[in-house]
Protein backbone atom coordinates (compact mmCIF):
# COMPACT_ATOMS: atom_id res chain seq x y z
CA MET A 1 -163.00 131.43 -87.49
CA ASP A 2 -159.87 133.27 -88.64
CA VAL A 3 -157.28 133.90 -85.71
CA ASP A 4 -157.74 137.80 -84.18
CA THR A 5 -154.18 138.99 -83.98
CA GLY A 6 -155.43 141.53 -81.18
CA THR A 7 -156.98 138.92 -79.04
CA THR A 8 -153.86 136.63 -79.39
CA ALA A 9 -151.64 139.85 -78.17
CA PHE A 10 -153.83 140.42 -75.34
CA MET A 11 -154.33 136.40 -74.37
CA LEU A 12 -150.03 136.23 -74.77
CA CYS A 13 -149.88 139.33 -72.33
CA CYS A 14 -152.38 137.07 -69.97
CA ILE A 15 -150.88 134.22 -69.79
CA ILE A 16 -147.26 135.95 -68.50
CA GLY A 17 -149.34 137.48 -66.17
CA LEU A 18 -150.93 134.26 -64.87
CA THR A 19 -147.61 132.72 -64.57
CA LEU A 20 -146.34 135.14 -62.39
CA MET A 21 -148.81 134.39 -60.03
CA ILE A 22 -147.23 131.70 -59.48
CA PRO A 23 -144.20 133.30 -57.60
CA GLY A 24 -146.59 135.22 -56.34
CA LEU A 25 -148.61 132.79 -54.47
CA ALA A 26 -145.25 130.85 -53.46
CA LEU A 27 -143.53 134.32 -52.05
CA PHE A 28 -147.72 134.94 -50.02
CA TYR A 29 -146.98 131.56 -48.58
CA GLY A 30 -143.96 131.32 -48.33
CA GLY A 31 -143.54 134.11 -45.82
CA MET A 32 -146.50 133.30 -43.51
CA VAL A 33 -144.75 130.16 -42.44
CA SER A 34 -142.09 129.58 -40.02
CA VAL A 35 -138.41 129.84 -41.70
CA LYS A 36 -138.22 125.86 -41.04
CA SER A 37 -140.53 124.94 -43.51
CA SER A 38 -140.93 127.88 -46.29
CA THR A 39 -139.06 126.36 -48.95
CA ASN A 40 -141.09 123.42 -48.53
CA MET A 41 -144.16 125.57 -48.58
CA MET A 42 -142.56 127.46 -52.00
CA MET A 43 -142.10 124.13 -53.57
CA MET A 44 -145.73 122.88 -53.45
CA THR A 45 -146.75 125.89 -55.20
CA PHE A 46 -144.30 125.19 -57.92
CA GLY A 47 -144.54 121.39 -57.84
CA ALA A 48 -148.70 121.49 -58.30
CA VAL A 49 -148.21 123.49 -61.05
CA ALA A 50 -145.62 121.11 -62.66
CA ILE A 51 -147.57 118.19 -62.61
CA VAL A 52 -150.82 119.50 -63.30
CA GLY A 53 -149.57 121.02 -66.51
CA LEU A 54 -148.32 117.51 -67.54
CA LEU A 55 -151.62 115.89 -66.60
CA TRP A 56 -153.67 118.56 -68.61
CA VAL A 57 -151.56 118.37 -72.04
CA LEU A 58 -152.25 114.68 -71.47
CA PHE A 59 -155.83 114.16 -70.89
CA GLY A 60 -157.07 117.09 -68.23
CA PHE A 61 -157.66 119.57 -71.42
CA SER A 62 -159.85 117.07 -72.56
CA MET A 63 -161.80 116.36 -69.40
CA VAL A 64 -162.71 119.58 -69.10
CA PHE A 65 -163.35 120.98 -72.62
CA GLY A 66 -164.01 117.36 -74.49
CA THR A 67 -167.62 116.65 -75.36
CA SER A 68 -169.37 115.85 -71.87
CA TYR A 69 -170.73 112.70 -70.19
CA GLY A 70 -173.94 113.65 -68.73
CA GLY A 71 -172.58 117.34 -68.27
CA PHE A 72 -170.27 115.75 -65.37
CA VAL A 73 -167.33 115.20 -67.20
CA GLY A 74 -165.74 115.64 -70.41
CA ASN A 75 -164.29 112.49 -72.78
CA PRO A 76 -160.44 112.09 -71.33
CA THR A 77 -159.44 110.76 -75.03
CA GLU A 78 -161.10 113.12 -77.60
CA PHE A 79 -158.25 116.03 -77.55
CA ALA A 80 -155.93 113.32 -75.11
CA GLY A 81 -152.00 114.83 -76.14
CA LEU A 82 -153.85 117.90 -77.45
CA THR A 83 -151.69 117.22 -80.60
CA ASP A 84 -154.47 116.28 -82.85
CA LEU A 85 -156.05 119.78 -81.74
CA LEU A 86 -153.08 121.62 -82.56
CA GLU A 87 -152.61 120.71 -85.78
CA ALA A 88 -156.52 121.38 -87.07
CA GLN A 89 -155.39 124.53 -85.88
CA THR A 90 -158.60 124.91 -84.05
CA THR A 91 -159.71 128.36 -82.48
CA VAL A 92 -161.82 129.43 -79.81
CA LEU A 93 -163.59 132.63 -80.11
CA GLY A 94 -160.46 134.27 -82.84
CA LEU A 95 -157.74 132.90 -80.18
CA PRO A 96 -155.67 130.09 -81.29
CA ILE A 97 -156.42 126.80 -79.38
CA SER A 98 -152.83 126.39 -77.62
CA LEU A 99 -153.12 130.04 -75.85
CA PHE A 100 -156.23 128.94 -74.59
CA ALA A 101 -155.20 125.76 -73.36
CA VAL A 102 -152.29 126.94 -72.00
CA PHE A 103 -154.54 129.89 -70.04
CA GLN A 104 -156.40 127.06 -68.52
CA ALA A 105 -153.69 125.12 -67.81
CA LEU A 106 -152.46 127.88 -65.59
CA PHE A 107 -155.68 128.04 -64.09
CA ALA A 108 -155.91 124.24 -63.00
CA GLY A 109 -152.28 124.38 -61.41
CA ILE A 110 -152.63 127.63 -59.74
CA THR A 111 -155.83 126.24 -58.30
CA VAL A 112 -154.52 123.04 -56.95
CA ALA A 113 -151.49 125.28 -55.72
CA LEU A 114 -153.99 127.13 -53.34
CA ILE A 115 -154.70 123.82 -51.52
CA SER A 116 -151.25 123.69 -49.82
CA GLY A 117 -151.49 126.58 -47.50
CA ALA A 118 -153.85 124.19 -45.52
CA VAL A 119 -151.07 121.20 -45.24
CA ALA A 120 -148.38 123.79 -43.91
CA ASP A 121 -145.27 122.81 -41.73
CA ARG A 122 -146.44 118.79 -41.71
CA MET A 123 -147.04 117.33 -45.08
CA LYS A 124 -144.77 115.00 -46.95
CA PHE A 125 -144.10 116.55 -49.82
CA GLY A 126 -144.28 113.40 -51.56
CA ALA A 127 -147.73 112.89 -50.16
CA TRP A 128 -148.30 116.64 -51.47
CA MET A 129 -147.78 115.91 -54.99
CA GLY A 130 -149.68 112.70 -54.69
CA PHE A 131 -152.60 114.47 -53.17
CA ALA A 132 -152.50 117.17 -56.15
CA THR A 133 -152.40 114.65 -58.80
CA LEU A 134 -155.64 112.79 -57.27
CA TRP A 135 -157.18 115.81 -56.50
CA ALA A 136 -156.75 117.51 -60.30
CA VAL A 137 -158.05 114.32 -61.73
CA LEU A 138 -160.90 113.62 -59.73
CA VAL A 139 -161.70 117.15 -58.80
CA TYR A 140 -160.28 120.16 -60.76
CA PHE A 141 -161.23 118.76 -63.61
CA PRO A 142 -164.76 117.36 -63.55
CA VAL A 143 -165.68 120.80 -61.61
CA ALA A 144 -163.83 122.90 -64.30
CA HIS A 145 -165.96 120.77 -66.93
CA TRP A 146 -169.18 121.94 -64.78
CA VAL A 147 -168.14 125.41 -65.03
CA PHE A 148 -166.27 126.49 -67.66
CA SER A 149 -167.16 124.45 -70.66
CA PHE A 150 -169.43 125.76 -72.41
CA ASP A 151 -171.70 124.09 -75.87
CA GLY A 152 -169.73 124.75 -78.99
CA VAL A 153 -166.61 126.25 -77.54
CA VAL A 154 -163.81 123.90 -78.16
CA THR A 155 -165.50 122.39 -81.17
CA GLU A 156 -168.71 123.58 -83.15
CA ASN A 157 -171.05 120.20 -81.74
CA SER A 158 -169.30 120.07 -78.29
CA VAL A 159 -171.56 119.61 -75.52
CA GLY A 160 -170.16 120.97 -72.41
CA GLY A 161 -171.31 120.74 -68.46
CA TRP A 162 -174.21 121.36 -66.01
CA ILE A 163 -173.53 124.22 -64.49
CA ALA A 164 -172.76 125.98 -67.56
CA ASN A 165 -174.97 125.22 -69.44
CA LYS A 166 -178.18 124.00 -67.73
CA LEU A 167 -177.67 125.78 -64.18
CA GLY A 168 -176.81 129.02 -65.84
CA ALA A 169 -174.98 130.20 -63.02
CA VAL A 170 -172.60 133.03 -63.34
CA ASP A 171 -169.01 132.68 -62.63
CA PHE A 172 -166.89 134.96 -65.05
CA ALA A 173 -163.46 133.51 -63.85
CA GLY A 174 -163.75 131.04 -61.15
CA GLY A 175 -165.59 131.45 -58.21
CA THR A 176 -166.42 128.28 -58.04
CA ALA A 177 -164.19 126.05 -60.05
CA VAL A 178 -160.96 127.66 -58.22
CA HIS A 179 -161.62 129.03 -54.97
CA ILE A 180 -164.74 127.25 -53.52
CA ASN A 181 -163.49 124.35 -54.47
CA ALA A 182 -159.85 124.59 -53.61
CA GLY A 183 -161.04 126.24 -50.31
CA ALA A 184 -163.28 122.76 -49.62
CA ALA A 185 -160.48 120.43 -50.32
CA ALA A 186 -158.23 122.25 -47.65
CA LEU A 187 -161.03 122.17 -44.93
CA ALA A 188 -161.01 118.53 -46.01
CA VAL A 189 -157.19 117.75 -45.94
CA ALA A 190 -156.51 120.43 -42.96
CA ILE A 191 -158.83 117.86 -40.96
CA VAL A 192 -157.22 114.05 -41.70
CA LEU A 193 -154.14 115.93 -41.21
CA GLY A 194 -154.62 116.79 -38.01
CA GLU A 195 -152.98 120.15 -35.79
CA SER A 196 -149.50 120.80 -36.40
CA ALA A 197 -147.27 121.70 -33.65
CA MET A 198 -147.26 125.26 -34.35
CA PHE A 199 -151.36 125.56 -34.31
CA GLY A 200 -152.32 128.73 -32.44
CA LYS A 201 -148.87 129.87 -32.22
CA ARG A 202 -147.96 130.11 -36.10
CA LYS A 203 -146.57 133.76 -37.12
CA PRO A 204 -145.35 134.76 -40.45
CA HIS A 205 -141.27 134.54 -40.76
CA ASN A 206 -141.05 137.55 -43.52
CA VAL A 207 -144.15 139.57 -43.78
CA PRO A 208 -142.14 141.58 -46.66
CA LEU A 209 -142.39 138.34 -48.88
CA THR A 210 -145.95 137.74 -48.17
CA LEU A 211 -146.74 141.43 -49.32
CA LEU A 212 -144.56 141.21 -52.24
CA GLY A 213 -146.53 137.83 -52.99
CA ALA A 214 -149.77 139.56 -52.65
CA GLY A 215 -148.85 142.27 -55.61
CA LEU A 216 -147.88 140.01 -57.45
CA LEU A 217 -150.73 137.96 -57.23
CA TRP A 218 -152.78 141.52 -57.13
CA ALA A 219 -151.36 142.45 -61.04
CA GLY A 220 -151.88 138.62 -62.11
CA TRP A 221 -155.67 138.53 -61.31
CA TYR A 222 -156.05 141.16 -63.73
CA ALA A 223 -154.81 138.58 -66.40
CA PHE A 224 -157.01 135.96 -64.08
CA ASN A 225 -160.20 137.68 -64.85
CA GLY A 226 -159.67 139.80 -67.52
CA GLY A 227 -158.17 137.29 -69.38
CA SER A 228 -161.39 135.11 -68.83
CA ALA A 229 -163.40 137.66 -71.62
CA LEU A 230 -161.01 135.79 -74.03
CA SER A 231 -161.15 139.09 -75.67
CA ALA A 232 -159.40 142.50 -76.00
CA GLY A 233 -162.18 144.92 -75.87
CA ASP A 234 -164.86 146.56 -73.44
CA SER A 235 -165.21 143.12 -71.38
CA ALA A 236 -161.96 142.50 -70.62
CA ALA A 237 -161.41 146.41 -69.36
CA MET A 238 -164.74 146.48 -67.00
CA VAL A 239 -163.81 143.61 -65.60
CA MET A 240 -160.34 144.87 -64.67
CA VAL A 241 -162.14 147.80 -63.21
CA THR A 242 -164.37 145.54 -61.25
CA THR A 243 -161.40 143.78 -60.01
CA PHE A 244 -159.53 146.54 -59.06
CA VAL A 245 -161.94 148.43 -56.52
CA ALA A 246 -163.25 145.63 -54.80
CA THR A 247 -159.63 144.71 -54.12
CA CYS A 248 -159.28 148.37 -52.59
CA ALA A 249 -162.45 147.88 -50.81
CA ALA A 250 -161.55 144.65 -49.34
CA VAL A 251 -157.80 146.06 -47.91
CA LEU A 252 -159.63 149.17 -46.37
CA ALA A 253 -162.71 146.94 -44.94
CA TRP A 254 -160.11 144.28 -43.79
CA ILE A 255 -157.66 146.65 -41.47
CA ALA A 256 -160.83 148.53 -40.71
CA VAL A 257 -162.16 145.74 -38.82
CA GLU A 258 -158.75 144.35 -37.69
CA LYS A 259 -158.09 148.12 -36.01
CA ILE A 260 -161.68 147.47 -34.24
CA LYS A 261 -161.28 143.99 -33.34
CA ASP A 262 -157.31 143.60 -32.22
CA GLY A 263 -156.47 147.43 -31.98
CA HIS A 264 -154.07 147.40 -34.48
CA VAL A 265 -153.29 147.02 -38.19
CA THR A 266 -151.21 144.91 -40.07
CA GLY A 267 -149.24 144.14 -42.73
CA VAL A 268 -150.33 140.30 -43.12
CA GLY A 269 -153.96 141.83 -42.38
CA ALA A 270 -153.26 143.98 -45.74
CA ALA A 271 -152.26 141.30 -48.03
CA SER A 272 -154.72 139.15 -46.64
CA GLY A 273 -158.04 141.73 -47.24
CA ALA A 274 -156.27 142.00 -50.71
CA ILE A 275 -156.36 138.29 -51.99
CA THR A 276 -160.07 138.19 -49.86
CA GLY A 277 -161.19 141.16 -52.68
CA LEU A 278 -159.70 139.43 -55.44
CA VAL A 279 -160.88 135.54 -54.63
CA ALA A 280 -164.55 137.28 -54.29
CA ILE A 281 -164.80 139.39 -57.18
CA THR A 282 -163.66 136.61 -59.22
CA PRO A 283 -167.02 135.13 -59.76
CA ALA A 284 -168.70 138.68 -60.02
CA CYS A 285 -165.99 140.69 -62.00
CA GLY A 286 -168.35 140.19 -65.32
CA ALA A 287 -171.73 140.59 -63.42
CA VAL A 288 -171.44 143.66 -61.16
CA THR A 289 -171.07 147.28 -61.57
CA PRO A 290 -168.14 149.01 -59.98
CA ILE A 291 -170.39 150.25 -57.06
CA GLY A 292 -171.49 146.84 -56.89
CA ALA A 293 -167.82 145.51 -56.91
CA ILE A 294 -167.28 148.20 -53.77
CA PHE A 295 -169.49 146.53 -51.70
CA VAL A 296 -168.43 142.29 -52.93
CA GLY A 297 -164.85 143.65 -52.04
CA GLY A 298 -166.22 145.30 -48.87
CA ILE A 299 -168.33 142.87 -47.35
CA ALA A 300 -165.71 139.61 -48.32
CA GLY A 301 -162.96 142.06 -46.32
CA ALA A 302 -164.99 142.64 -43.27
CA VAL A 303 -166.25 139.21 -43.23
CA CYS A 304 -163.54 137.07 -43.60
CA VAL A 305 -161.29 138.65 -40.68
CA TYR A 306 -163.75 136.73 -38.82
CA ALA A 307 -163.96 133.17 -41.26
CA VAL A 308 -160.22 133.18 -40.22
CA GLY A 309 -160.41 132.88 -37.04
CA LEU A 310 -163.09 129.82 -36.80
CA LYS A 311 -159.97 127.59 -37.30
CA GLU A 312 -159.36 127.80 -33.67
CA ARG A 313 -162.92 127.68 -32.55
CA PHE A 314 -163.58 124.38 -34.54
CA GLY A 315 -159.79 122.74 -34.38
CA TYR A 316 -158.83 122.39 -37.55
CA ASP A 317 -155.17 123.54 -38.58
CA ASP A 318 -155.88 125.59 -42.03
CA SER A 319 -152.42 126.87 -41.42
CA LEU A 320 -152.34 129.82 -43.93
CA ASP A 321 -156.42 130.51 -43.78
CA VAL A 322 -157.00 128.62 -47.32
CA VAL A 323 -160.45 128.11 -45.93
CA GLY A 324 -161.47 131.44 -44.22
CA VAL A 325 -159.92 133.68 -47.45
CA HIS A 326 -160.73 131.36 -50.30
CA LEU A 327 -163.56 129.02 -49.31
CA VAL A 328 -165.83 131.92 -47.31
CA GLY A 329 -164.47 134.73 -49.95
CA GLY A 330 -165.57 132.28 -52.79
CA LEU A 331 -169.16 132.05 -51.26
CA ILE A 332 -169.66 135.40 -50.56
CA GLY A 333 -168.31 136.42 -54.17
CA THR A 334 -170.61 133.87 -55.66
CA LEU A 335 -173.89 134.19 -53.79
CA LEU A 336 -173.63 138.35 -54.01
CA ILE A 337 -173.79 138.14 -57.94
CA GLY A 338 -177.56 137.01 -56.76
CA PHE A 339 -178.04 140.63 -55.07
CA PHE A 340 -175.89 142.71 -57.16
CA ALA A 341 -175.59 141.65 -60.78
CA SER A 342 -176.77 144.30 -63.58
CA GLU A 343 -177.35 143.25 -66.87
CA GLY A 344 -175.38 146.26 -68.08
CA MET A 345 -172.07 144.13 -67.67
CA PRO A 346 -170.59 141.68 -69.47
CA ASN A 347 -172.66 138.58 -67.91
CA GLY A 348 -175.95 140.49 -68.83
CA VAL A 349 -178.08 139.40 -65.79
CA ASN A 350 -180.07 141.18 -63.27
CA GLY A 351 -180.14 140.33 -59.39
CA LEU A 352 -182.06 141.37 -56.99
CA PHE A 353 -181.24 144.40 -56.16
CA TYR A 354 -181.57 145.01 -59.85
CA GLY A 355 -185.18 143.76 -60.65
CA GLY A 356 -184.00 140.60 -61.07
CA GLY A 357 -185.89 138.63 -58.60
CA VAL A 358 -184.28 135.83 -56.29
CA ASP A 359 -183.95 133.74 -59.40
CA GLN A 360 -180.26 134.07 -60.19
CA LEU A 361 -179.24 133.50 -56.30
CA TRP A 362 -180.64 130.03 -56.32
CA LYS A 363 -178.63 129.33 -59.09
CA GLN A 364 -175.67 130.92 -57.50
CA ALA A 365 -176.16 129.26 -54.10
CA VAL A 366 -176.59 125.69 -56.19
CA ALA A 367 -173.66 126.05 -58.13
CA ALA A 368 -171.54 127.11 -54.65
CA GLY A 369 -173.42 124.00 -52.81
CA ALA A 370 -172.25 121.67 -55.16
CA VAL A 371 -168.79 122.47 -55.75
CA MET A 372 -168.50 122.70 -52.08
CA VAL A 373 -169.98 119.63 -51.21
CA TYR A 374 -168.39 117.64 -54.01
CA SER A 375 -165.01 118.66 -53.58
CA PHE A 376 -164.75 117.96 -50.01
CA ALA A 377 -166.07 114.42 -49.90
CA ILE A 378 -163.52 113.35 -52.57
CA ALA A 379 -160.71 115.48 -51.11
CA PHE A 380 -161.36 113.99 -47.48
CA ALA A 381 -161.58 110.37 -48.94
CA ILE A 382 -158.42 110.90 -50.93
CA ALA A 383 -156.40 112.25 -48.08
CA PHE A 384 -157.96 109.55 -45.82
CA VAL A 385 -156.86 106.24 -47.86
CA MET A 386 -153.31 107.99 -48.18
CA LYS A 387 -152.87 108.46 -44.46
CA LYS A 388 -153.82 105.13 -43.79
CA THR A 389 -151.90 103.51 -46.93
CA VAL A 390 -148.59 105.54 -47.78
CA GLY A 391 -149.01 108.22 -44.76
CA ILE A 392 -149.02 111.78 -45.30
CA ARG A 393 -147.84 113.56 -42.14
CA ILE A 394 -144.25 113.85 -40.96
CA SER A 395 -143.08 112.73 -37.62
CA PRO A 396 -143.02 115.06 -34.59
CA GLU A 397 -139.33 114.95 -34.44
CA GLU A 398 -139.10 115.82 -38.37
CA GLU A 399 -141.44 118.78 -37.58
CA GLU A 400 -139.88 120.08 -34.85
CA GLU A 401 -136.47 119.94 -36.72
CA GLY A 402 -137.95 121.42 -39.64
CA ILE A 403 -139.22 120.42 -42.95
CA ASP A 404 -136.77 122.21 -45.04
CA ALA A 405 -133.95 121.03 -43.14
CA LYS A 406 -134.83 117.14 -42.90
CA PHE A 407 -136.37 116.69 -46.67
CA HIS A 408 -134.95 119.29 -48.63
CA ARG A 409 -131.60 119.30 -47.22
CA GLU A 410 -131.40 123.45 -47.82
CA SER A 411 -132.20 126.03 -46.11
CA SER A 412 -134.40 129.24 -46.91
CA TYR A 413 -131.81 131.35 -45.58
CA GLU A 414 -127.72 131.13 -45.10
CA LEU A 415 -126.75 133.53 -42.40
CA GLN A 416 -123.99 132.36 -41.26
CA PRO A 417 -120.93 132.59 -43.39
CA ALA A 418 -119.63 129.97 -45.57
């Protein structure tokens, strides 16, 4: 297929938008932690994207989009290094394979970086980089193959993953592969790490940074979801509309529940509500109507206010609410497709409320459950083995002194004159 210049230009813009999500996530997380660990928190995002980017070119793209071994993982050597694929000037739906590869690489890097929010204040940076490497190879690349690798996309005869091609669950931009996947891993590593000294007392040191980060993520999410249409057309436009309205609904739902529950409205609550709406609509953005998107965002925003409080009840230190927002929000968005999907939208399926019965709902549940269980189990195993061998947690004395000063030899702010 010849290169479609319009789609190519659109995807170039989407790649820029996705790249802005890197500082967006760093600022969102960096403002929510103690001033003593803000730089470390932000470096975890940049470090994860950097290591995953290299893995992606070497063999990750091939593991995701190579010819499948039983629907579980792609052939890691088929497109290793990407050189042969690029020299062949392959296209994907009129898009140069080089841009498709970079677009998907950013998905991979951001997904891994999301997990870092559960380990704030207490995980060694080197251990984080090791965990990010192993989890990307053993979890993200296989799961992305399940969800994103459709038969015949990269090469005419390629065979893809089981969720995309055999099960037929809908996940437009990564509710399972990105958010449930990262959220389940976050829960596992938080359990292995144990509580930090800040557990139950953690307060954001810079709310404006968190709000700015949320705003950048919101902007980048249009590229995240809209770019997943892989075409500059009606599908991308509709997806951007549902992404926008679901996020608005989630912000309002979160702060309304926060007001009822706690008697006040917070900036962190508004930022968290926005991210929750974006998470929930990610799998559903091509399946639900704008009205359906309001329900998806509103339900997620209202439920996740309570979900973030589960860590105090059950005693796992999910520092920045990756479980409550990404795992729970991802589950809500993925399952609500089974209720609110309309065949008039790009995915072309009907949910229960549109006469589709429970067929799509059970497919969504199977996909969500499989990703959640697999990611949790492997992440727990990786973190546990690392804990027993190389060690993953800083000492109580180092935690008290601050991870920025101890491990990075720099502070987030220079408050005294030089």
